[in-house]
Each structure stands twice: as structure tokens, then as C-alpha cells.
Amino acid sequence: MSRAMLLQFAESVIEKTFMTKALQQTVDRSISLKREQIATLREELEDLNDYLDLVEARVRDQDKPRLTHMAVKKRYGLK
């Protein structure tokens, strides 16, 4: 092979390697972003489930007598 052909082949390999690394970095960033989005959605889902539990408890206890904050503190001997 001539020197010119070898240099052209080497440049081609370098470009392919560079593109592969660039693509890998893009994919890594994308995966990282998706993981952050999943974590955010999980937190939001947990908050919504907690709120649903609260609403269900309020409906279930709707006709029961309610206690004030002071009455609860007095009942359990808190200051």
C-alpha cells in the first residue's frame, strides 16, 4: 500500500472512532437524562399516592368527630 492510502485509511479509522465516541457520549447523556426523569416521576407518583391515601382517609372519616390540635396534644400529654 502506498503511504497516501495508509494515511487515508488512518484518517477514516480516526473519524469512525471519533464518531463512535461522540455517539457514545450522546447516548450516555440521553440515558442519564432519562434516569433523572424516571426518578422525578417516581417521586411525583409517591406524592400522588400519599395524597390519594389522605383523601381516602378523609372520605372514610367524614362523619366521625374531629379533634383539634390542642385536644390531641392534651390527650397524648404533649406540650
C-alpha atoms as a PDB file:
ATOM      1  CA  MET A   1       0.000   0.000   0.000  1.00  0.00           C
ATOM      2  CA  SER A   2       1.167   3.479  -0.675  1.00  0.00           C
ATOM      3  CA  ARG A   3       1.734   5.996   2.064  1.00  0.00           C
ATOM      4  CA  ALA A   4      -1.180   8.113   0.810  1.00  0.00           C
ATOM      5  CA  MET A   5      -3.569   5.159   1.011  1.00  0.00           C
ATOM      6  CA  LEU A   6      -2.376   4.311   4.529  1.00  0.00           C
ATOM      7  CA  LEU A   7      -2.897   7.893   5.682  1.00  0.00           C
ATOM      8  CA  GLN A   8      -6.363   7.963   4.156  1.00  0.00           C
ATOM      9  CA  PHE A   9      -7.214   4.679   5.901  1.00  0.00           C
ATOM     10  CA  ALA A  10      -5.856   6.007   9.216  1.00  0.00           C
ATOM     11  CA  GLU A  11      -7.947   9.178   8.898  1.00  0.00           C
ATOM     12  CA  SER A  12     -11.009   7.077   8.184  1.00  0.00           C
ATOM     13  CA  VAL A  13     -10.417   4.949  11.284  1.00  0.00           C
ATOM     14  CA  ILE A  14      -9.873   8.063  13.405  1.00  0.00           C
ATOM     15  CA  GLU A  15     -13.093   9.642  12.126  1.00  0.00           C
ATOM     16  CA  LYS A  16     -15.036   6.471  12.821  1.00  0.00           C
ATOM     17  CA  THR A  17     -13.570   6.277  16.320  1.00  0.00           C
ATOM     18  CA  PHE A  18     -14.390   9.933  16.952  1.00  0.00           C
ATOM     19  CA  MET A  19     -17.951   9.497  15.710  1.00  0.00           C
ATOM     20  CA  THR A  20     -18.326   6.405  17.856  1.00  0.00           C
ATOM     21  CA  LYS A  21     -17.128   8.285  20.950  1.00  0.00           C
ATOM     22  CA  ALA A  22     -19.376  11.226  20.147  1.00  0.00           C
ATOM     23  CA  LEU A  23     -22.320   8.917  19.657  1.00  0.00           C
ATOM     24  CA  GLN A  24     -21.479   7.104  22.904  1.00  0.00           C
ATOM     25  CA  GLN A  25     -21.396  10.416  24.772  1.00  0.00           C
ATOM     26  CA  THR A  26     -24.744  11.395  23.283  1.00  0.00           C
ATOM     27  CA  VAL A  27     -26.255   8.067  24.290  1.00  0.00           C
ATOM     28  CA  ASP A  28     -24.773   8.353  27.799  1.00  0.00           C
ATOM     29  CA  ARG A  29     -26.235  11.847  28.211  1.00  0.00           C
ATOM     30  CA  SER A  30     -29.585  10.630  26.961  1.00  0.00           C
ATOM     31  CA  ILE A  31     -29.589   7.689  29.381  1.00  0.00           C
ATOM     32  CA  SER A  32     -28.601   9.961  32.239  1.00  0.00           C
ATOM     33  CA  LEU A  33     -31.405  12.383  31.393  1.00  0.00           C
ATOM     34  CA  LYS A  34     -33.946   9.544  31.194  1.00  0.00           C
ATOM     35  CA  ARG A  35     -32.825   8.234  34.600  1.00  0.00           C
ATOM     36  CA  GLU A  36     -33.335  11.684  36.110  1.00  0.00           C
ATOM     37  CA  GLN A  37     -36.787  11.888  34.536  1.00  0.00           C
ATOM     38  CA  ILE A  38     -37.690   8.447  35.910  1.00  0.00           C
ATOM     39  CA  ALA A  39     -36.548   9.468  39.407  1.00  0.00           C
ATOM     40  CA  THR A  40     -38.636  12.642  39.191  1.00  0.00           C
ATOM     41  CA  LEU A  41     -41.685  10.697  38.024  1.00  0.00           C
ATOM     42  CA  ARG A  42     -41.261   8.182  40.849  1.00  0.00           C
ATOM     43  CA  GLU A  43     -41.150  10.992  43.412  1.00  0.00           C
ATOM     44  CA  GLU A  44     -44.238  12.578  41.895  1.00  0.00           C
ATOM     45  CA  LEU A  45     -46.048   9.235  41.863  1.00  0.00           C
ATOM     46  CA  GLU A  46     -45.174   8.687  45.529  1.00  0.00           C
ATOM     47  CA  ASP A  47     -46.521  12.165  46.394  1.00  0.00           C
ATOM     48  CA  LEU A  48     -49.731  11.478  44.461  1.00  0.00           C
ATOM     49  CA  ASN A  49     -50.193   8.111  46.205  1.00  0.00           C
ATOM     50  CA  ASP A  50     -49.739   9.821  49.586  1.00  0.00           C
ATOM     51  CA  TYR A  51     -52.316  12.439  48.621  1.00  0.00           C
ATOM     52  CA  LEU A  52     -54.716   9.722  47.480  1.00  0.00           C
ATOM     53  CA  ASP A  53     -54.324   7.974  50.850  1.00  0.00           C
ATOM     54  CA  LEU A  54     -55.091  11.257  52.600  1.00  0.00           C
ATOM     55  CA  VAL A  55     -58.204  11.920  50.507  1.00  0.00           C
ATOM     56  CA  GLU A  56     -59.455   8.353  51.019  1.00  0.00           C
ATOM     57  CA  ALA A  57     -58.945   8.698  54.790  1.00  0.00           C
ATOM     58  CA  ARG A  58     -60.853  11.992  54.828  1.00  0.00           C
ATOM     59  CA  VAL A  59     -63.770  10.423  52.953  1.00  0.00           C
ATOM     60  CA  ARG A  60     -63.730   7.364  55.200  1.00  0.00           C
ATOM     61  CA  ASP A  61     -63.678   9.508  58.378  1.00  0.00           C
ATOM     62  CA  GLN A  62     -66.044  12.171  57.082  1.00  0.00           C
ATOM     63  CA  ASP A  63     -68.820  11.639  59.649  1.00  0.00           C
ATOM     64  CA  LYS A  64     -66.555  10.953  62.621  1.00  0.00           C
ATOM     65  CA  PRO A  65     -65.911  13.670  65.187  1.00  0.00           C
ATOM     66  CA  ARG A  66     -62.698  15.588  64.671  1.00  0.00           C
ATOM     67  CA  LEU A  67     -60.159  16.623  67.266  1.00  0.00           C
ATOM     68  CA  THR A  68     -58.333  19.925  67.369  1.00  0.00           C
ATOM     69  CA  HIS A  69     -54.570  20.079  67.517  1.00  0.00           C
ATOM     70  CA  MET A  70     -54.744  21.136  71.178  1.00  0.00           C
ATOM     71  CA  ALA A  71     -57.091  18.238  72.026  1.00  0.00           C
ATOM     72  CA  VAL A  72     -54.681  15.729  70.523  1.00  0.00           C
ATOM     73  CA  LYS A  73     -51.728  17.262  72.407  1.00  0.00           C
ATOM     74  CA  LYS A  74     -53.720  17.114  75.654  1.00  0.00           C
ATOM     75  CA  ARG A  75     -54.844  13.504  75.022  1.00  0.00           C
ATOM     76  CA  TYR A  76     -51.265  12.286  74.495  1.00  0.00           C
ATOM     77  CA  GLY A  77     -49.636  14.521  77.103  1.00  0.00           C
ATOM     78  CA  LEU A  78     -47.617  16.619  74.698  1.00  0.00           C
ATOM     79  CA  LYS A  79     -46.668  20.233  75.247  1.00  0.00           C
END
